[in-house]
Amino acid sequence: MQKLFFKYFAVILLSFVSFFAEGAVHASFTIDHVAGCSPLVVSFTNTSIGDTTGFIWDLGDGAGLITQTDAACTYTTPGNYIITLTAYNGSLDTSRITHTITVYPPPSVNFTVTDSTVCLGTPITFGNTSTGTHPPFTCKWSFGNGDTTSGSSPTYNYPSSGSFNVTLTVIDTMGCSNFLSLSSNSTICRAGSFVYW
């Protein structure tokens, strides 16, 4: 009799556990970019399981809560963001999960020029003075006439006279890039002409 009682008790207990297991919720989601450069566009895909009836997203950007199934956000300010997804059902069972993403700042680009106005045939040296949180930097230069080069402090001799816009593009170790283009930065005079300083 006692053995039969425990048998029925076990069946009832298993049914009870099964009932609540089927109704339980388990929050989960995937992220297409867990780190990247600002502005960083991130998509969050909801992979929650269970008898869910609703979701609440907190994307960590201070813009408020989102109640749709999936979510996306563009992060323009560098820093760490905590993403929280809460899943719930009609029985008020809830499940919550968090992940962190990191947004890197782009480098701040600047450069110097030995002489902004020179005569044709006189070389000009450009110097990278860019700053950022993830050096060393890769520097790519465009001299405004179709010629390009790389390096931190290149020297260039313009083959023709005129005014040229010089552009420096800087890439840091995180792959973040930025550029600076200075209008009429280099003026090359014809040989033998006077240059006023």
C-alpha atoms as a PDB file:
ATOM      1  CA  MET A   1       0.000   0.000   0.000  1.00  0.00           C
ATOM      2  CA  GLN A   2       2.817   2.352   0.906  1.00  0.00           C
ATOM      3  CA  LYS A   3       4.650   1.481  -2.301  1.00  0.00           C
ATOM      4  CA  LEU A   4       1.516   2.228  -4.346  1.00  0.00           C
ATOM      5  CA  PHE A   5       1.118   5.563  -2.572  1.00  0.00           C
ATOM      6  CA  PHE A   6       4.651   6.628  -3.447  1.00  0.00           C
ATOM      7  CA  LYS A   7       4.098   5.510  -7.036  1.00  0.00           C
ATOM      8  CA  TYR A   8       1.034   7.742  -7.433  1.00  0.00           C
ATOM      9  CA  PHE A   9       2.807  10.558  -5.598  1.00  0.00           C
ATOM     10  CA  ALA A  10       5.723  10.341  -8.041  1.00  0.00           C
ATOM     11  CA  VAL A  11       3.363  10.459 -11.035  1.00  0.00           C
ATOM     12  CA  ILE A  12       1.593  13.540  -9.647  1.00  0.00           C
ATOM     13  CA  LEU A  13       4.917  15.233  -8.868  1.00  0.00           C
ATOM     14  CA  LEU A  14       6.265  14.583 -12.359  1.00  0.00           C
ATOM     15  CA  SER A  15       3.063  15.935 -13.898  1.00  0.00           C
ATOM     16  CA  PHE A  16       3.331  19.028 -11.708  1.00  0.00           C
ATOM     17  CA  VAL A  17       6.958  19.624 -12.724  1.00  0.00           C
ATOM     18  CA  SER A  18       6.168  18.985 -16.392  1.00  0.00           C
ATOM     19  CA  PHE A  19       3.286  21.463 -16.278  1.00  0.00           C
ATOM     20  CA  PHE A  20       5.471  24.277 -14.974  1.00  0.00           C
ATOM     21  CA  ALA A  21       8.417  23.343 -17.195  1.00  0.00           C
ATOM     22  CA  GLU A  22       6.235  23.697 -20.282  1.00  0.00           C
ATOM     23  CA  GLY A  23       5.054  27.099 -19.124  1.00  0.00           C
ATOM     24  CA  ALA A  24       8.502  28.350 -18.086  1.00  0.00           C
ATOM     25  CA  VAL A  25      10.261  31.048 -20.070  1.00  0.00           C
ATOM     26  CA  HIS A  26      13.961  31.310 -20.857  1.00  0.00           C
ATOM     27  CA  ALA A  27      15.253  34.614 -22.224  1.00  0.00           C
ATOM     28  CA  SER A  28      18.109  34.598 -24.723  1.00  0.00           C
ATOM     29  CA  PHE A  29      19.264  36.647 -27.702  1.00  0.00           C
ATOM     30  CA  THR A  30      22.104  36.964 -30.189  1.00  0.00           C
ATOM     31  CA  ILE A  31      24.041  40.063 -31.237  1.00  0.00           C
ATOM     32  CA  ASP A  32      25.483  40.659 -34.702  1.00  0.00           C
ATOM     33  CA  HIS A  33      28.206  43.033 -33.398  1.00  0.00           C
ATOM     34  CA  VAL A  34      29.473  42.795 -29.816  1.00  0.00           C
ATOM     35  CA  ALA A  35      32.129  45.464 -30.449  1.00  0.00           C
ATOM     36  CA  GLY A  36      32.854  48.022 -33.127  1.00  0.00           C
ATOM     37  CA  CYS A  37      33.508  51.602 -34.096  1.00  0.00           C
ATOM     38  CA  SER A  38      31.190  54.544 -33.557  1.00  0.00           C
ATOM     39  CA  PRO A  39      28.629  54.883 -35.032  1.00  0.00           C
ATOM     40  CA  LEU A  40      27.892  51.185 -34.438  1.00  0.00           C
ATOM     41  CA  VAL A  41      24.668  49.681 -35.807  1.00  0.00           C
ATOM     42  CA  VAL A  42      23.677  46.605 -33.782  1.00  0.00           C
ATOM     43  CA  SER A  43      20.833  44.135 -34.354  1.00  0.00           C
ATOM     44  CA  PHE A  44      19.530  41.971 -31.516  1.00  0.00           C
ATOM     45  CA  THR A  45      17.756  38.720 -32.452  1.00  0.00           C
ATOM     46  CA  ASN A  46      15.430  37.223 -29.855  1.00  0.00           C
ATOM     47  CA  THR A  47      16.046  33.482 -29.353  1.00  0.00           C
ATOM     48  CA  SER A  48      13.998  33.057 -26.175  1.00  0.00           C
ATOM     49  CA  ILE A  49      12.175  29.757 -25.644  1.00  0.00           C
ATOM     50  CA  GLY A  50       9.175  28.688 -23.620  1.00  0.00           C
ATOM     51  CA  ASP A  51       5.600  29.862 -23.349  1.00  0.00           C
ATOM     52  CA  THR A  52       6.456  33.541 -23.736  1.00  0.00           C
ATOM     53  CA  THR A  53       3.786  36.181 -24.249  1.00  0.00           C
ATOM     54  CA  GLY A  54       5.917  39.333 -24.281  1.00  0.00           C
ATOM     55  CA  PHE A  55       9.365  40.883 -24.179  1.00  0.00           C
ATOM     56  CA  ILE A  56      10.997  44.000 -22.788  1.00  0.00           C
ATOM     57  CA  TRP A  57      14.299  45.329 -24.130  1.00  0.00           C
ATOM     58  CA  ASP A  58      16.604  47.805 -22.445  1.00  0.00           C
ATOM     59  CA  LEU A  59      19.289  48.671 -24.999  1.00  0.00           C
ATOM     60  CA  GLY A  60      21.387  50.624 -22.512  1.00  0.00           C
ATOM     61  CA  ASP A  61      21.277  53.870 -24.468  1.00  0.00           C
ATOM     62  CA  GLY A  62      18.846  55.680 -22.177  1.00  0.00           C
ATOM     63  CA  ALA A  63      16.200  55.921 -24.899  1.00  0.00           C
ATOM     64  CA  GLY A  64      13.586  53.892 -23.024  1.00  0.00           C
ATOM     65  CA  LEU A  65      12.226  50.363 -23.176  1.00  0.00           C
ATOM     66  CA  ILE A  66      11.200  48.421 -26.302  1.00  0.00           C
ATOM     67  CA  THR A  67       8.480  45.758 -26.295  1.00  0.00           C
ATOM     68  CA  GLN A  68       8.939  44.236 -29.751  1.00  0.00           C
ATOM     69  CA  THR A  69      10.340  40.757 -30.391  1.00  0.00           C
ATOM     70  CA  ASP A  70      13.655  41.845 -31.930  1.00  0.00           C
ATOM     71  CA  ALA A  71      15.496  45.124 -31.575  1.00  0.00           C
ATOM     72  CA  ALA A  72      18.160  47.290 -33.190  1.00  0.00           C
ATOM     73  CA  CYS A  73      20.074  50.390 -32.208  1.00  0.00           C
ATOM     74  CA  THR A  74      22.710  52.779 -33.544  1.00  0.00           C
ATOM     75  CA  TYR A  75      25.261  53.677 -30.869  1.00  0.00           C
ATOM     76  CA  THR A  76      27.001  56.976 -31.608  1.00  0.00           C
ATOM     77  CA  THR A  77      28.684  57.588 -28.248  1.00  0.00           C
ATOM     78  CA  PRO A  78      31.717  55.411 -27.423  1.00  0.00           C
ATOM     79  CA  GLY A  79      31.553  53.279 -24.290  1.00  0.00           C
ATOM     80  CA  ASN A  80      30.175  50.044 -22.850  1.00  0.00           C
ATOM     81  CA  TYR A  81      26.443  49.325 -23.040  1.00  0.00           C
ATOM     82  CA  ILE A  82      24.558  46.699 -21.037  1.00  0.00           C
ATOM     83  CA  ILE A  83      21.731  45.124 -23.039  1.00  0.00           C
ATOM     84  CA  THR A  84      18.912  43.482 -21.075  1.00  0.00           C
ATOM     85  CA  LEU A  85      16.109  41.289 -22.413  1.00  0.00           C
ATOM     86  CA  THR A  86      13.227  40.275 -20.154  1.00  0.00           C
ATOM     87  CA  ALA A  87      10.818  37.558 -21.325  1.00  0.00           C
ATOM     88  CA  TYR A  88       7.530  36.843 -19.555  1.00  0.00           C
ATOM     89  CA  ASN A  89       4.304  34.842 -19.888  1.00  0.00           C
ATOM     90  CA  GLY A  90       0.701  35.068 -18.759  1.00  0.00           C
ATOM     91  CA  SER A  91       1.529  33.354 -15.471  1.00  0.00           C
ATOM     92  CA  LEU A  92       3.878  36.241 -14.655  1.00  0.00           C
ATOM     93  CA  ASP A  93       6.913  33.980 -14.945  1.00  0.00           C
ATOM     94  CA  THR A  94       9.904  36.058 -16.054  1.00  0.00           C
ATOM     95  CA  SER A  95      13.413  35.405 -17.298  1.00  0.00           C
ATOM     96  CA  ARG A  96      16.105  38.016 -17.776  1.00  0.00           C
ATOM     97  CA  ILE A  97      19.474  37.977 -19.527  1.00  0.00           C
ATOM     98  CA  THR A  98      22.113  40.645 -20.123  1.00  0.00           C
ATOM     99  CA  HIS A  99      25.007  41.108 -22.542  1.00  0.00           C
ATOM    100  CA  THR A 100      27.522  43.914 -22.941  1.00  0.00           C
ATOM    101  CA  ILE A 101      28.663  45.588 -26.157  1.00  0.00           C
ATOM    102  CA  THR A 102      31.588  47.961 -26.605  1.00  0.00           C
ATOM    103  CA  VAL A 103      31.649  50.979 -28.910  1.00  0.00           C
ATOM    104  CA  TYR A 104      35.103  52.319 -29.800  1.00  0.00           C
ATOM    105  CA  PRO A 105      35.816  55.997 -30.564  1.00  0.00           C
ATOM    106  CA  PRO A 106      37.341  56.961 -33.911  1.00  0.00           C
ATOM    107  CA  PRO A 107      40.757  58.637 -33.899  1.00  0.00           C
ATOM    108  CA  SER A 108      40.991  62.424 -33.908  1.00  0.00           C
ATOM    109  CA  VAL A 109      42.844  63.345 -37.096  1.00  0.00           C
ATOM    110  CA  ASN A 110      45.258  66.232 -37.541  1.00  0.00           C
ATOM    111  CA  PHE A 111      48.507  66.857 -39.377  1.00  0.00           C
ATOM    112  CA  THR A 112      51.211  69.443 -39.924  1.00  0.00           C
ATOM    113  CA  VAL A 113      52.882  70.767 -43.074  1.00  0.00           C
ATOM    114  CA  THR A 114      56.451  72.083 -43.221  1.00  0.00           C
ATOM    115  CA  ASP A 115      55.510  74.769 -45.750  1.00  0.00           C
ATOM    116  CA  SER A 116      52.063  75.547 -47.084  1.00  0.00           C
ATOM    117  CA  THR A 117      53.415  77.491 -50.069  1.00  0.00           C
ATOM    118  CA  VAL A 118      56.574  76.478 -51.924  1.00  0.00           C
ATOM    119  CA  CYS A 119      58.072  76.715 -55.380  1.00  0.00           C
ATOM    120  CA  LEU A 120      57.798  73.886 -57.847  1.00  0.00           C
ATOM    121  CA  GLY A 121      60.507  71.315 -57.193  1.00  0.00           C
ATOM    122  CA  THR A 122      60.612  71.920 -53.436  1.00  0.00           C
ATOM    123  CA  PRO A 123      59.523  68.893 -51.394  1.00  0.00           C
ATOM    124  CA  ILE A 124      56.926  69.219 -48.616  1.00  0.00           C
ATOM    125  CA  THR A 125      56.911  67.079 -45.487  1.00  0.00           C
ATOM    126  CA  PHE A 126      53.605  66.187 -43.844  1.00  0.00           C
ATOM    127  CA  GLY A 127      53.449  65.055 -40.223  1.00  0.00           C
ATOM    128  CA  ASN A 128      50.689  63.028 -38.605  1.00  0.00           C
ATOM    129  CA  THR A 129      49.675  64.477 -35.206  1.00  0.00           C
ATOM    130  CA  SER A 130      46.509  62.421 -34.794  1.00  0.00           C
ATOM    131  CA  THR A 131      45.459  61.140 -31.384  1.00  0.00           C
ATOM    132  CA  GLY A 132      43.238  58.309 -30.210  1.00  0.00           C
ATOM    133  CA  THR A 133      42.757  55.550 -27.685  1.00  0.00           C
ATOM    134  CA  HIS A 134      44.029  52.672 -29.841  1.00  0.00           C
ATOM    135  CA  PRO A 135      47.386  53.465 -31.473  1.00  0.00           C
ATOM    136  CA  PRO A 136      49.508  52.786 -33.430  1.00  0.00           C
ATOM    137  CA  PHE A 137      47.815  54.318 -36.445  1.00  0.00           C
ATOM    138  CA  THR A 138      47.890  53.463 -40.123  1.00  0.00           C
ATOM    139  CA  CYS A 139      48.110  56.685 -42.139  1.00  0.00           C
ATOM    140  CA  LYS A 140      46.974  57.073 -45.735  1.00  0.00           C
ATOM    141  CA  TRP A 141      47.605  60.332 -47.572  1.00  0.00           C
ATOM    142  CA  SER A 142      45.995  61.806 -50.665  1.00  0.00           C
ATOM    143  CA  PHE A 143      47.774  64.833 -52.122  1.00  0.00           C
ATOM    144  CA  GLY A 144      44.861  66.209 -54.122  1.00  0.00           C
ATOM    145  CA  ASN A 145      46.261  65.409 -57.548  1.00  0.00           C
ATOM    146  CA  GLY A 146      45.609  61.672 -57.685  1.00  0.00           C
ATOM    147  CA  ASP A 147      48.843  60.676 -55.957  1.00  0.00           C
ATOM    148  CA  THR A 148      48.679  58.784 -52.653  1.00  0.00           C
ATOM    149  CA  THR A 149      51.062  57.295 -50.134  1.00  0.00           C
ATOM    150  CA  SER A 150      51.184  55.852 -46.635  1.00  0.00           C
ATOM    151  CA  GLY A 151      53.311  56.451 -43.566  1.00  0.00           C
ATOM    152  CA  SER A 152      53.367  58.778 -40.608  1.00  0.00           C
ATOM    153  CA  SER A 153      55.475  61.622 -42.059  1.00  0.00           C
ATOM    154  CA  PRO A 154      55.778  61.411 -45.846  1.00  0.00           C
ATOM    155  CA  THR A 155      57.693  63.876 -47.994  1.00  0.00           C
ATOM    156  CA  TYR A 156      56.159  64.721 -51.356  1.00  0.00           C
ATOM    157  CA  ASN A 157      57.333  66.741 -54.344  1.00  0.00           C
ATOM    158  CA  TYR A 158      54.440  68.075 -56.431  1.00  0.00           C
ATOM    159  CA  PRO A 159      55.089  67.622 -60.177  1.00  0.00           C
ATOM    160  CA  SER A 160      52.972  70.627 -61.196  1.00  0.00           C
ATOM    161  CA  SER A 161      51.945  74.008 -59.835  1.00  0.00           C
ATOM    162  CA  GLY A 162      48.547  74.780 -58.324  1.00  0.00           C
ATOM    163  CA  SER A 163      46.589  74.576 -55.073  1.00  0.00           C
ATOM    164  CA  PHE A 164      45.846  71.127 -53.696  1.00  0.00           C
ATOM    165  CA  ASN A 165      43.585  69.700 -51.005  1.00  0.00           C
ATOM    166  CA  VAL A 166      45.488  67.241 -48.827  1.00  0.00           C
ATOM    167  CA  THR A 167      43.560  64.451 -47.082  1.00  0.00           C
ATOM    168  CA  LEU A 168      44.827  62.241 -44.264  1.00  0.00           C
ATOM    169  CA  THR A 169      42.918  59.080 -43.356  1.00  0.00           C
ATOM    170  CA  VAL A 170      43.869  57.422 -40.067  1.00  0.00           C
ATOM    171  CA  ILE A 171      42.984  53.853 -39.033  1.00  0.00           C
ATOM    172  CA  ASP A 172      43.598  52.589 -35.480  1.00  0.00           C
ATOM    173  CA  THR A 173      44.214  49.046 -34.227  1.00  0.00           C
ATOM    174  CA  MET A 174      40.485  48.470 -33.692  1.00  0.00           C
ATOM    175  CA  GLY A 175      39.787  49.243 -37.335  1.00  0.00           C
ATOM    176  CA  CYS A 176      38.191  52.599 -36.544  1.00  0.00           C
ATOM    177  CA  SER A 177      38.948  55.314 -39.083  1.00  0.00           C
ATOM    178  CA  ASN A 178      38.577  59.040 -39.520  1.00  0.00           C
ATOM    179  CA  PHE A 179      39.905  61.607 -41.963  1.00  0.00           C
ATOM    180  CA  LEU A 180      40.802  65.270 -42.303  1.00  0.00           C
ATOM    181  CA  SER A 181      40.867  67.203 -45.558  1.00  0.00           C
ATOM    182  CA  LEU A 182      42.349  70.693 -45.610  1.00  0.00           C
ATOM    183  CA  SER A 183      41.283  72.906 -48.495  1.00  0.00           C
ATOM    184  CA  SER A 184      44.060  74.646 -50.429  1.00  0.00           C
ATOM    185  CA  ASN A 185      46.543  73.260 -47.946  1.00  0.00           C
ATOM    186  CA  SER A 186      49.440  73.146 -50.380  1.00  0.00           C
ATOM    187  CA  THR A 187      50.092  75.867 -52.939  1.00  0.00           C
ATOM    188  CA  ILE A 188      52.835  75.109 -55.456  1.00  0.00           C
ATOM    189  CA  CYS A 189      54.207  78.107 -57.361  1.00  0.00           C
ATOM    190  CA  ARG A 190      55.950  77.993 -60.708  1.00  0.00           C
ATOM    191  CA  ALA A 191      59.701  77.822 -60.532  1.00  0.00           C
ATOM    192  CA  GLY A 192      61.315  81.250 -60.264  1.00  0.00           C
ATOM    193  CA  SER A 193      58.184  83.006 -58.945  1.00  0.00           C
ATOM    194  CA  PHE A 194      58.185  84.902 -55.678  1.00  0.00           C
ATOM    195  CA  VAL A 195      56.579  83.438 -52.600  1.00  0.00           C
ATOM    196  CA  TYR A 196      55.322  85.823 -49.924  1.00  0.00           C
ATOM    197  CA  TRP A 197      55.428  84.480 -46.358  1.00  0.00           C
END
